[in-house]
Structures are given as C-alpha cells and as structure tokens.
Amino acid sequence: MTNEHDEPEMERSELAGEFTEDDVTVLVDIYRPAGTQNDWILEVITEEDDLTSWEEPFATDREAFEEFLATVERDGIRSFFGGEDPEPAVH
C-alpha cells in the first residue's frame, strides 16, 4: 500500500509557467519543498518532454527566472531541445 503523502509537497514560484519565444513554448518550473526557506530549483521542460535542470539551486525564485531568461538570450530557446548538449552552463 502506498501513501500519496510519501513525496513532499512542492511550492511553485509565481514566476513558473509557460514561456514562449519565436513560436516555441517551454514550461519553466521553479520550485522548492513547501513550508521551507530552501533554495529554489530551476527546470525547463519542452513540448517534446526534454528536461533541462540546473545543478545549483538559486537563493530566490527571481534569480532562477533571471538565469532562465539569460540562457534564452545567450543560447536561444531552442537550446532546451535535445541536441548534443541540452545542459546549460553552470554558473
């Protein structure tokens, strides 16, 4: 018997959600365990279910979102899709 409460609840940032540029949409997921002051985790999920996760968490959800925006500006939104190196540079 499994208990649906085995996995911790996650708090999603108000900055999380769909992001579209050049007719390409990705899901920006910024979250941390609910009820904590832990750092925020940043993940980007494409329409093709490619997942990009940053190795280092962020002190604030705003920092996480700004890193996402900087990655899109630097590498383009298509950089999150498959390809040779879907992992963004770690800063």
N, C-alpha and C. Protein backbone atom coordinates (compact mmCIF):
# COMPACT_ATOMS: atom_id res chain seq x y z
N MET A 1 0.84 -1.19 0.00
CA MET A 1 0.00 0.00 0.00
C MET A 1 0.89 1.25 0.00
N THR A 2 0.64 2.14 -0.91
CA THR A 2 1.43 3.37 -0.95
C THR A 2 0.61 4.53 -0.41
N ASN A 3 1.31 5.45 0.15
CA ASN A 3 0.67 6.63 0.72
C ASN A 3 0.99 7.81 -0.18
N GLU A 4 -0.03 8.52 -0.62
CA GLU A 4 0.21 9.64 -1.53
C GLU A 4 0.97 10.78 -0.86
N HIS A 5 1.14 10.69 0.44
CA HIS A 5 1.85 11.74 1.18
C HIS A 5 3.34 11.42 1.35
N ASP A 6 3.81 10.34 0.72
CA ASP A 6 5.21 9.96 0.83
C ASP A 6 6.13 11.00 0.21
N GLU A 7 5.71 11.60 -0.91
CA GLU A 7 6.53 12.62 -1.56
C GLU A 7 6.21 13.97 -0.95
N PRO A 8 7.25 14.76 -0.67
CA PRO A 8 6.99 16.08 -0.07
C PRO A 8 6.23 16.99 -1.03
N GLU A 9 5.40 17.84 -0.48
CA GLU A 9 4.70 18.84 -1.28
C GLU A 9 5.72 19.86 -1.79
N MET A 10 5.46 20.36 -2.98
CA MET A 10 6.36 21.37 -3.55
C MET A 10 5.63 22.70 -3.66
N GLU A 11 6.35 23.76 -3.38
CA GLU A 11 5.84 25.12 -3.54
C GLU A 11 6.36 25.63 -4.88
N ARG A 12 5.45 26.04 -5.75
CA ARG A 12 5.83 26.56 -7.06
C ARG A 12 5.90 28.08 -7.00
N SER A 13 6.90 28.63 -7.65
CA SER A 13 7.05 30.08 -7.74
C SER A 13 5.96 30.67 -8.62
N GLU A 14 5.57 31.90 -8.31
CA GLU A 14 4.62 32.60 -9.18
C GLU A 14 5.27 32.93 -10.52
N LEU A 15 6.59 32.83 -10.61
CA LEU A 15 7.31 33.08 -11.87
C LEU A 15 7.32 31.85 -12.78
N ALA A 16 6.96 30.69 -12.23
CA ALA A 16 6.92 29.45 -13.02
C ALA A 16 5.75 29.51 -13.98
N GLY A 17 5.89 28.81 -15.11
CA GLY A 17 4.80 28.74 -16.07
C GLY A 17 5.33 28.63 -17.48
N GLU A 18 4.42 28.75 -18.43
CA GLU A 18 4.82 28.65 -19.83
C GLU A 18 5.51 29.92 -20.28
N PHE A 19 6.50 29.74 -21.14
CA PHE A 19 7.25 30.86 -21.71
C PHE A 19 7.37 30.61 -23.21
N THR A 20 6.99 31.59 -24.01
CA THR A 20 7.01 31.44 -25.46
C THR A 20 7.89 32.51 -26.09
N GLU A 21 8.73 32.06 -27.01
CA GLU A 21 9.56 32.97 -27.81
C GLU A 21 9.76 32.34 -29.17
N ASP A 22 9.67 33.11 -30.23
CA ASP A 22 9.83 32.62 -31.60
C ASP A 22 8.92 31.43 -31.88
N ASP A 23 7.67 31.50 -31.40
CA ASP A 23 6.68 30.44 -31.60
C ASP A 23 7.09 29.11 -30.97
N VAL A 24 8.00 29.14 -30.01
CA VAL A 24 8.41 27.95 -29.27
C VAL A 24 8.02 28.16 -27.82
N THR A 25 7.33 27.18 -27.24
CA THR A 25 6.88 27.28 -25.85
C THR A 25 7.56 26.22 -25.00
N VAL A 26 8.04 26.64 -23.84
CA VAL A 26 8.60 25.71 -22.86
C VAL A 26 7.92 25.98 -21.51
N LEU A 27 8.00 25.01 -20.62
CA LEU A 27 7.49 25.16 -19.27
C LEU A 27 8.66 25.44 -18.35
N VAL A 28 8.62 26.58 -17.68
CA VAL A 28 9.65 26.96 -16.72
C VAL A 28 9.13 26.56 -15.34
N ASP A 29 9.82 25.62 -14.70
CA ASP A 29 9.39 25.13 -13.39
C ASP A 29 10.40 25.60 -12.34
N ILE A 30 9.93 26.39 -11.40
CA ILE A 30 10.77 26.92 -10.31
C ILE A 30 10.07 26.50 -9.02
N TYR A 31 10.73 25.69 -8.22
CA TYR A 31 10.05 25.13 -7.04
C TYR A 31 11.02 24.83 -5.91
N ARG A 32 10.46 24.58 -4.73
CA ARG A 32 11.21 24.15 -3.55
C ARG A 32 10.23 23.40 -2.64
N PRO A 33 10.74 22.64 -1.67
CA PRO A 33 9.83 21.95 -0.76
C PRO A 33 8.93 22.96 -0.04
N ALA A 34 7.65 22.67 0.02
CA ALA A 34 6.67 23.56 0.65
C ALA A 34 6.98 23.74 2.13
N GLY A 35 6.75 24.95 2.61
CA GLY A 35 6.92 25.24 4.02
C GLY A 35 8.36 25.39 4.46
N THR A 36 9.28 25.52 3.49
CA THR A 36 10.70 25.68 3.82
C THR A 36 11.20 27.00 3.28
N GLN A 37 12.39 27.35 3.69
CA GLN A 37 13.09 28.51 3.12
C GLN A 37 14.27 28.02 2.27
N ASN A 38 14.17 26.78 1.78
CA ASN A 38 15.22 26.20 0.95
C ASN A 38 15.41 27.00 -0.33
N ASP A 39 16.56 26.78 -0.97
CA ASP A 39 16.81 27.41 -2.26
C ASP A 39 15.86 26.85 -3.31
N TRP A 40 15.72 27.58 -4.41
CA TRP A 40 14.80 27.23 -5.48
C TRP A 40 15.48 26.39 -6.55
N ILE A 41 14.77 25.40 -7.08
CA ILE A 41 15.24 24.53 -8.16
C ILE A 41 14.65 25.07 -9.47
N LEU A 42 15.46 25.08 -10.52
CA LEU A 42 15.02 25.55 -11.84
C LEU A 42 15.10 24.40 -12.82
N GLU A 43 13.98 24.14 -13.50
CA GLU A 43 13.94 23.15 -14.57
C GLU A 43 13.15 23.74 -15.74
N VAL A 44 13.53 23.33 -16.95
CA VAL A 44 12.82 23.73 -18.15
C VAL A 44 12.40 22.46 -18.88
N ILE A 45 11.12 22.38 -19.23
CA ILE A 45 10.59 21.20 -19.90
C ILE A 45 10.02 21.65 -21.24
N THR A 46 10.45 20.98 -22.32
CA THR A 46 9.98 21.34 -23.66
C THR A 46 8.70 20.59 -24.00
N GLU A 47 8.08 20.98 -25.10
CA GLU A 47 6.88 20.29 -25.59
C GLU A 47 7.18 18.84 -25.93
N GLU A 48 8.46 18.52 -26.17
CA GLU A 48 8.87 17.16 -26.50
C GLU A 48 9.36 16.41 -25.27
N ASP A 49 9.09 16.97 -24.08
CA ASP A 49 9.48 16.38 -22.80
C ASP A 49 10.99 16.31 -22.58
N ASP A 50 11.76 17.16 -23.27
CA ASP A 50 13.18 17.31 -22.93
C ASP A 50 13.23 18.07 -21.61
N LEU A 51 14.07 17.61 -20.70
CA LEU A 51 14.18 18.24 -19.39
C LEU A 51 15.58 18.81 -19.22
N THR A 52 15.66 20.07 -18.85
CA THR A 52 16.94 20.71 -18.52
C THR A 52 16.85 21.14 -17.07
N SER A 53 17.79 20.66 -16.26
CA SER A 53 17.83 21.02 -14.83
C SER A 53 19.15 21.71 -14.54
N TRP A 54 19.10 22.74 -13.75
CA TRP A 54 20.32 23.40 -13.30
C TRP A 54 20.85 22.64 -12.09
N GLU A 55 22.15 22.43 -12.04
CA GLU A 55 22.76 21.66 -10.95
C GLU A 55 22.71 22.41 -9.63
N GLU A 56 22.89 23.72 -9.69
CA GLU A 56 22.93 24.52 -8.47
C GLU A 56 21.59 25.21 -8.24
N PRO A 57 21.07 25.15 -7.02
CA PRO A 57 19.83 25.86 -6.72
C PRO A 57 20.07 27.37 -6.61
N PHE A 58 19.00 28.13 -6.56
CA PHE A 58 19.05 29.58 -6.51
C PHE A 58 18.49 30.09 -5.20
N ALA A 59 19.07 31.15 -4.66
CA ALA A 59 18.63 31.70 -3.38
C ALA A 59 17.21 32.25 -3.46
N THR A 60 16.84 32.80 -4.62
CA THR A 60 15.49 33.34 -4.79
C THR A 60 14.89 32.83 -6.10
N ASP A 61 13.57 32.81 -6.17
CA ASP A 61 12.92 32.41 -7.41
C ASP A 61 13.20 33.43 -8.52
N ARG A 62 13.37 34.69 -8.17
CA ARG A 62 13.69 35.73 -9.14
C ARG A 62 15.06 35.44 -9.79
N GLU A 63 16.05 35.04 -8.99
CA GLU A 63 17.37 34.70 -9.55
C GLU A 63 17.26 33.52 -10.51
N ALA A 64 16.45 32.54 -10.16
CA ALA A 64 16.26 31.38 -11.03
C ALA A 64 15.65 31.82 -12.37
N PHE A 65 14.61 32.65 -12.31
CA PHE A 65 13.95 33.10 -13.53
C PHE A 65 14.89 33.97 -14.37
N GLU A 66 15.67 34.81 -13.73
CA GLU A 66 16.62 35.65 -14.46
C GLU A 66 17.69 34.80 -15.15
N GLU A 67 18.10 33.69 -14.52
CA GLU A 67 19.06 32.78 -15.15
C GLU A 67 18.42 32.13 -16.37
N PHE A 68 17.16 31.75 -16.26
CA PHE A 68 16.45 31.20 -17.42
C PHE A 68 16.43 32.21 -18.56
N LEU A 69 16.05 33.45 -18.26
CA LEU A 69 15.99 34.49 -19.29
C LEU A 69 17.37 34.73 -19.91
N ALA A 70 18.42 34.74 -19.09
CA ALA A 70 19.78 34.95 -19.60
C ALA A 70 20.19 33.81 -20.52
N THR A 71 19.78 32.58 -20.18
CA THR A 71 20.10 31.42 -21.02
C THR A 71 19.38 31.53 -22.36
N VAL A 72 18.12 31.95 -22.35
CA VAL A 72 17.37 32.13 -23.59
C VAL A 72 18.03 33.21 -24.45
N GLU A 73 18.43 34.32 -23.83
CA GLU A 73 19.06 35.41 -24.58
C GLU A 73 20.41 34.97 -25.16
N ARG A 74 21.18 34.22 -24.37
CA ARG A 74 22.52 33.80 -24.79
C ARG A 74 22.49 32.65 -25.80
N ASP A 75 21.65 31.63 -25.53
CA ASP A 75 21.70 30.39 -26.31
C ASP A 75 20.48 30.16 -27.19
N GLY A 76 19.41 30.94 -26.96
CA GLY A 76 18.17 30.74 -27.71
C GLY A 76 17.26 29.73 -27.03
N ILE A 77 15.96 29.89 -27.26
CA ILE A 77 15.00 29.00 -26.59
C ILE A 77 15.12 27.57 -27.11
N ARG A 78 15.59 27.41 -28.34
CA ARG A 78 15.73 26.06 -28.90
C ARG A 78 16.87 25.28 -28.25
N SER A 79 17.70 25.95 -27.46
CA SER A 79 18.81 25.25 -26.79
C SER A 79 18.30 24.25 -25.76
N PHE A 80 17.03 24.34 -25.38
CA PHE A 80 16.48 23.40 -24.40
C PHE A 80 15.98 22.11 -25.04
N PHE A 81 16.00 22.05 -26.37
CA PHE A 81 15.52 20.86 -27.08
C PHE A 81 16.67 19.95 -27.42
N GLY A 82 16.57 18.67 -27.01
CA GLY A 82 17.51 17.62 -27.40
C GLY A 82 18.90 18.12 -27.70
N GLY A 83 19.41 17.78 -28.85
CA GLY A 83 20.70 18.29 -29.29
C GLY A 83 21.86 17.63 -28.58
N GLU A 84 23.06 18.09 -28.93
CA GLU A 84 24.27 17.49 -28.40
C GLU A 84 24.48 17.77 -26.93
N ASP A 85 24.18 19.00 -26.51
CA ASP A 85 24.43 19.37 -25.11
C ASP A 85 23.24 20.16 -24.57
N PRO A 86 22.17 19.44 -24.13
CA PRO A 86 21.00 20.16 -23.65
C PRO A 86 21.19 20.81 -22.30
N GLU A 87 22.29 20.49 -21.61
CA GLU A 87 22.54 21.02 -20.27
C GLU A 87 23.13 22.43 -20.37
N PRO A 88 22.50 23.41 -19.76
CA PRO A 88 23.09 24.76 -19.81
C PRO A 88 24.36 24.84 -18.97
N ALA A 89 25.15 25.84 -19.24
CA ALA A 89 26.36 26.04 -18.45
C ALA A 89 25.98 26.32 -17.00
N VAL A 90 26.77 25.79 -16.09
CA VAL A 90 26.52 26.01 -14.67
C VAL A 90 27.32 27.23 -14.24
N HIS A 91 26.65 28.15 -13.56
CA HIS A 91 27.33 29.38 -13.13
C HIS A 91 27.47 29.41 -11.63
